[in-house]
Each structure stands twice: as structure tokens, then as C-alpha cells.
C-alpha atoms as a PDB file:
ATOM      1  CA  MET A   1     168.530 -32.309  83.859  1.00  0.00           C
ATOM      2  CA  LYS A   2     169.097 -30.179  87.060  1.00  0.00           C
ATOM      3  CA  GLN A   3     165.521 -28.335  86.745  1.00  0.00           C
ATOM      4  CA  THR A   4     164.201 -31.834  86.681  1.00  0.00           C
ATOM      5  CA  ILE A   5     166.050 -33.200  89.696  1.00  0.00           C
ATOM      6  CA  PHE A   6     165.328 -30.208  91.529  1.00  0.00           C
ATOM      7  CA  ILE A   7     161.636 -30.324  90.607  1.00  0.00           C
ATOM      8  CA  THR A   8     161.624 -33.988  91.639  1.00  0.00           C
ATOM      9  CA  LEU A   9     163.186 -33.484  95.121  1.00  0.00           C
ATOM     10  CA  MET A  10     160.906 -30.896  95.867  1.00  0.00           C
ATOM     11  CA  ALA A  11     157.652 -33.022  95.158  1.00  0.00           C
ATOM     12  CA  LEU A  12     159.339 -35.914  97.142  1.00  0.00           C
ATOM     13  CA  LEU A  13     159.944 -33.259 100.084  1.00  0.00           C
ATOM     14  CA  LEU A  14     155.934 -32.294  99.670  1.00  0.00           C
ATOM     15  CA  ALA A  15     154.436 -35.448  99.905  1.00  0.00           C
ATOM     16  CA  VAL A  16     152.439 -36.987 102.335  1.00  0.00           C
ATOM     17  CA  GLY A  17     153.183 -40.615 103.021  1.00  0.00           C
ATOM     18  CA  GLY A  18     151.335 -42.788 100.192  1.00  0.00           C
ATOM     19  CA  LYS A  19     150.231 -40.151  98.333  1.00  0.00           C
ATOM     20  CA  ASP A  20     150.531 -40.016  94.241  1.00  0.00           C
ATOM     21  CA  LEU A  21     151.518 -36.153  93.317  1.00  0.00           C
ATOM     22  CA  ARG A  22     152.006 -35.075  89.935  1.00  0.00           C
ATOM     23  CA  VAL A  23     154.333 -32.212  88.839  1.00  0.00           C
ATOM     24  CA  LEU A  24     153.209 -29.932  86.024  1.00  0.00           C
ATOM     25  CA  VAL A  25     155.469 -27.459  84.333  1.00  0.00           C
ATOM     26  CA  LEU A  26     154.014 -24.531  82.183  1.00  0.00           C
ATOM     27  CA  THR A  27     155.233 -21.748  79.902  1.00  0.00           C
ATOM     28  CA  PRO A  28     152.830 -18.998  80.373  1.00  0.00           C
ATOM     29  CA  THR A  29     151.547 -16.658  78.011  1.00  0.00           C
ATOM     30  CA  PRO A  30     151.899 -13.504  78.519  1.00  0.00           C
ATOM     31  CA  GLN A  31     155.375 -13.717  79.980  1.00  0.00           C
ATOM     32  CA  MET A  32     156.224 -13.294  83.259  1.00  0.00           C
ATOM     33  CA  HIS A  33     158.413  -9.600  83.565  1.00  0.00           C
ATOM     34  CA  CYS A  34     158.363  -8.847  87.087  1.00  0.00           C
ATOM     35  CA  GLU A  35     158.234 -10.239  90.884  1.00  0.00           C
ATOM     36  CA  ASN A  36     154.378  -8.691  90.532  1.00  0.00           C
ATOM     37  CA  CYS A  37     153.547 -11.563  87.524  1.00  0.00           C
ATOM     38  CA  GLU A  38     155.224 -14.105  89.729  1.00  0.00           C
ATOM     39  CA  ASN A  39     153.171 -13.127  93.107  1.00  0.00           C
ATOM     40  CA  LYS A  40     149.939 -12.985  90.932  1.00  0.00           C
ATOM     41  CA  ILE A  41     150.649 -16.768  89.811  1.00  0.00           C
ATOM     42  CA  LYS A  42     151.719 -17.878  93.180  1.00  0.00           C
ATOM     43  CA  ASN A  43     148.890 -16.247  95.042  1.00  0.00           C
ATOM     44  CA  ASN A  44     146.069 -17.059  92.957  1.00  0.00           C
ATOM     45  CA  MET A  45     146.968 -20.677  92.205  1.00  0.00           C
ATOM     46  CA  ARG A  46     147.727 -21.806  95.643  1.00  0.00           C
ATOM     47  CA  PHE A  47     144.029 -22.046  96.039  1.00  0.00           C
ATOM     48  CA  GLU A  48     143.121 -24.249  92.959  1.00  0.00           C
ATOM     49  CA  LYS A  49     141.849 -27.561  94.320  1.00  0.00           C
ATOM     50  CA  GLY A  50     144.846 -30.030  95.061  1.00  0.00           C
ATOM     51  CA  VAL A  51     147.861 -27.549  94.229  1.00  0.00           C
ATOM     52  CA  LYS A  52     150.374 -28.607  96.881  1.00  0.00           C
ATOM     53  CA  LYS A  53     152.938 -25.893  95.862  1.00  0.00           C
ATOM     54  CA  VAL A  54     153.853 -23.159  92.957  1.00  0.00           C
ATOM     55  CA  GLU A  55     157.123 -22.273  91.860  1.00  0.00           C
ATOM     56  CA  THR A  56     157.850 -19.661  89.069  1.00  0.00           C
ATOM     57  CA  SER A  57     160.874 -18.525  87.277  1.00  0.00           C
ATOM     58  CA  ILE A  58     161.057 -15.286  85.524  1.00  0.00           C
ATOM     59  CA  GLU A  59     164.195 -16.494  83.900  1.00  0.00           C
ATOM     60  CA  LYS A  60     163.482 -19.499  82.386  1.00  0.00           C
ATOM     61  CA  GLN A  61     159.589 -18.544  81.858  1.00  0.00           C
ATOM     62  CA  LEU A  62     158.080 -21.495  83.749  1.00  0.00           C
ATOM     63  CA  VAL A  63     155.511 -22.026  86.247  1.00  0.00           C
ATOM     64  CA  THR A  64     156.237 -25.531  88.141  1.00  0.00           C
ATOM     65  CA  ILE A  65     152.775 -26.771  90.354  1.00  0.00           C
ATOM     66  CA  THR A  66     152.740 -29.473  92.426  1.00  0.00           C
ATOM     67  CA  TYR A  67     149.356 -31.050  92.656  1.00  0.00           C
ATOM     68  CA  ASP A  68     146.874 -34.156  93.649  1.00  0.00           C
ATOM     69  CA  PRO A  69     145.967 -35.586  90.468  1.00  0.00           C
ATOM     70  CA  LYS A  70     142.854 -36.993  92.730  1.00  0.00           C
ATOM     71  CA  LYS A  71     141.803 -33.362  93.202  1.00  0.00           C
ATOM     72  CA  ASN A  72     142.589 -31.629  90.204  1.00  0.00           C
ATOM     73  CA  ASN A  73     143.973 -32.216  86.474  1.00  0.00           C
ATOM     74  CA  VAL A  74     146.227 -30.507  83.887  1.00  0.00           C
ATOM     75  CA  GLU A  75     142.908 -29.189  82.337  1.00  0.00           C
ATOM     76  CA  GLY A  76     141.649 -27.796  85.675  1.00  0.00           C
ATOM     77  CA  LEU A  77     145.018 -25.736  86.578  1.00  0.00           C
ATOM     78  CA  GLN A  78     145.278 -24.423  82.989  1.00  0.00           C
ATOM     79  CA  ALA A  79     141.864 -23.261  83.335  1.00  0.00           C
ATOM     80  CA  GLY A  80     142.854 -21.495  86.917  1.00  0.00           C
ATOM     81  CA  MET A  81     145.893 -19.747  85.176  1.00  0.00           C
ATOM     82  CA  LYS A  82     143.226 -18.766  82.342  1.00  0.00           C
ATOM     83  CA  LYS A  83     141.346 -17.118  84.892  1.00  0.00           C
ATOM     84  CA  ILE A  84     144.205 -14.773  86.167  1.00  0.00           C
ATOM     85  CA  GLY A  85     144.928 -13.821  82.186  1.00  0.00           C
ATOM     86  CA  TYR A  86     147.794 -16.520  81.253  1.00  0.00           C
ATOM     87  CA  ASP A  87     147.432 -18.855  78.532  1.00  0.00           C
ATOM     88  CA  THR A  88     149.419 -21.959  79.258  1.00  0.00           C
ATOM     89  CA  LYS A  89     151.354 -24.659  77.094  1.00  0.00           C
ATOM     90  CA  VAL A  90     152.304 -27.836  79.026  1.00  0.00           C
ATOM     91  CA  VAL A  91     156.393 -28.547  79.335  1.00  0.00           C
ATOM     92  CA  SER A  92     155.744 -31.566  81.478  1.00  0.00           C
ATOM     93  CA  ASP A  93     153.452 -33.601  83.663  1.00  0.00           C
ATOM     94  CA  ASN A  94     155.601 -35.799  85.750  1.00  0.00           C
ATOM     95  CA  LYS A  95     153.944 -38.918  88.026  1.00  0.00           C
ATOM     96  CA  LEU A  96     155.447 -38.979  91.369  1.00  0.00           C
ATOM     97  CA  LYS A  97     154.650 -41.969  94.224  1.00  0.00           C
ATOM     98  CA  VAL A  98     156.648 -41.770  97.493  1.00  0.00           C
ATOM     99  CA  LYS A  99     155.933 -44.242 100.034  1.00  0.00           C
ATOM    100  CA  LYS A 100     155.822 -43.391 104.017  1.00  0.00           C
ATOM    101  CA  ASP A 101     158.948 -45.093 105.735  1.00  0.00           C
END
């Protein structure tokens, strides 16, 4: 529950007025074991089309990607992870809509 709230809040902070964003949570295989694993994922996935933010958790074995669905999709992001040596399983893919005040 706390993780879902955190992910939602982070996506809200990243949103630019009126944009639809999605938050994709993946589990990687092989598992992340160290900071180098995390950095490999963050440094490569940030260049995938539409990616706004990448977060990782070694403890929970999760990769959280906030992205613009007009520029990419789940399959495209999973393909990006595959390019750097990680198969992935989707934990969740949540749609967010943030309106500019």
C-alpha cells in the first residue's frame, strides 16, 4: 500500500500539466544484487523513448518506470530491459492523469 502511494505521488510530481503518464512496475530476472545493477538499469532505461523517471529497489527487486504512453508502451520498455540483459515480469501498469491548475 505504501509503495503504491509513493509511486502515485512520484508520478504526480513528475507530470507536466495535462499529460497522461503511466507507472510501470517490473521484476527483473536475473535479480539486481548491487548498486552497479541498479545503475545499469537506471542509466540505460532513461534513454528509452518516453521515460520520465526510473527507480529501482534491490530490497524489493522492483524497477519502477514512469513513462509517457504516447511515446512508448509496456512491450517497448520490456524490450529495453531485455537489451541490457534483464527479462521482466509486469507487477503493475497504472494510468495517471494530472491536470494543470
